[in-house]
Amino acid sequence: MRSSPIDIGFGNITFSHRIVAIDPVDSAPVKRMVHEARNQHRLIDATNGRKTRSIIRTNSDHILLSTVRPETIARRLKTSETTHENPK
């Protein structure tokens, strides 16, 4: 499986094969998940102190915090997959 870097804001990247889910941060279950990940040292904050707009769950059970909206990250992920399926 090919993987490509996905920009999650402020020069931070994750690789497409690592992403399991992209969620908005406004629900109670997601907030609980972030709290638990922080306590278990599985949280990676890529916000540079700005407002968190999305969380990214990875296949290594880490949680990434991002200032980029979930829709934008999903679009970048889809674009990277399309590019790898149809190389020029």
Protein backbone atom coordinates (compact mmCIF):
# COMPACT_ATOMS: atom_id res chain seq x y z
CA MET A 1 0.00 0.00 0.00
CA ARG A 2 1.37 3.38 -0.97
CA SER A 3 1.24 6.19 1.49
CA SER A 4 1.59 9.91 1.09
CA PRO A 5 2.09 12.73 3.58
CA ILE A 6 -1.02 14.64 4.62
CA ASP A 7 -0.60 18.21 5.89
CA ILE A 8 -2.43 18.66 9.21
CA GLY A 9 -1.33 22.26 9.76
CA PHE A 10 1.70 24.32 10.78
CA GLY A 11 4.12 22.12 8.86
CA ASN A 12 2.98 18.96 10.64
CA ILE A 13 2.20 15.87 8.61
CA THR A 14 0.91 12.37 9.07
CA PHE A 15 0.90 9.61 6.51
CA SER A 16 -2.30 8.56 4.79
CA HIS A 17 -1.94 4.87 5.68
CA ARG A 18 -1.92 5.81 9.39
CA ILE A 19 -5.27 7.64 9.41
CA VAL A 20 -8.19 5.61 10.74
CA ALA A 21 -10.71 8.42 11.32
CA ILE A 22 -11.04 12.20 11.26
CA ASP A 23 -13.51 13.68 13.75
CA PRO A 24 -14.72 17.14 14.76
CA VAL A 25 -14.02 17.96 18.40
CA ASP A 26 -17.44 19.15 19.55
CA SER A 27 -18.95 15.90 20.87
CA ALA A 28 -18.59 14.57 24.41
CA PRO A 29 -17.27 11.12 23.34
CA VAL A 30 -14.50 12.76 21.30
CA LYS A 31 -13.57 15.04 24.20
CA ARG A 32 -13.41 11.97 26.47
CA MET A 33 -11.21 10.18 23.95
CA VAL A 34 -8.82 13.17 23.84
CA HIS A 35 -8.71 13.31 27.65
CA GLU A 36 -7.92 9.59 27.90
CA ALA A 37 -5.23 9.84 25.21
CA ARG A 38 -3.62 12.74 27.06
CA ASN A 39 -3.54 10.75 30.31
CA GLN A 40 -2.03 7.73 28.52
CA HIS A 41 0.58 9.84 26.66
CA ARG A 42 -0.92 8.99 23.25
CA LEU A 43 -1.88 12.58 22.36
CA ILE A 44 0.04 14.63 19.79
CA ASP A 45 -0.87 18.32 19.74
CA ALA A 46 -0.17 19.88 16.34
CA THR A 47 -2.16 23.07 16.99
CA ASN A 48 0.65 25.44 18.06
CA GLY A 49 -1.68 26.80 20.73
CA ARG A 50 -4.52 27.57 18.32
CA LYS A 51 -8.10 26.32 18.43
CA THR A 52 -8.45 22.58 17.83
CA ARG A 53 -10.86 21.92 14.97
CA SER A 54 -10.31 18.22 14.35
CA ILE A 55 -8.83 15.09 15.81
CA ILE A 56 -7.19 12.37 13.77
CA ARG A 57 -7.23 8.81 15.06
CA THR A 58 -4.33 6.67 13.88
CA ASN A 59 -3.77 2.95 13.49
CA SER A 60 -1.18 3.14 16.29
CA ASP A 61 -3.95 4.31 18.68
CA HIS A 62 -2.56 7.85 18.87
CA ILE A 63 -4.73 10.96 18.70
CA LEU A 64 -3.53 13.97 16.69
CA LEU A 65 -5.00 17.42 17.37
CA SER A 66 -5.20 19.75 14.37
CA THR A 67 -6.40 23.27 13.62
CA VAL A 68 -7.44 22.19 10.13
CA ARG A 69 -11.15 21.44 9.66
CA PRO A 70 -12.08 17.75 9.28
CA GLU A 71 -13.53 18.36 5.81
CA THR A 72 -10.25 19.86 4.62
CA ILE A 73 -8.18 16.95 5.93
CA ALA A 74 -10.62 14.48 4.35
CA ARG A 75 -10.32 16.30 1.01
CA ARG A 76 -6.50 16.20 1.23
CA LEU A 77 -6.64 12.49 2.04
CA LYS A 78 -8.95 11.77 -0.88
CA THR A 79 -6.78 13.82 -3.24
CA SER A 80 -3.66 11.93 -2.18
CA GLU A 81 -5.38 8.57 -2.70
CA THR A 82 -6.62 9.61 -6.15
CA THR A 83 -3.14 10.78 -7.11
CA HIS A 84 -1.60 7.44 -6.11
CA GLU A 85 -4.27 5.41 -7.92
CA ASN A 86 -3.84 7.35 -11.17
CA PRO A 87 -0.19 8.43 -11.40
CA LYS A 88 0.71 10.57 -14.40
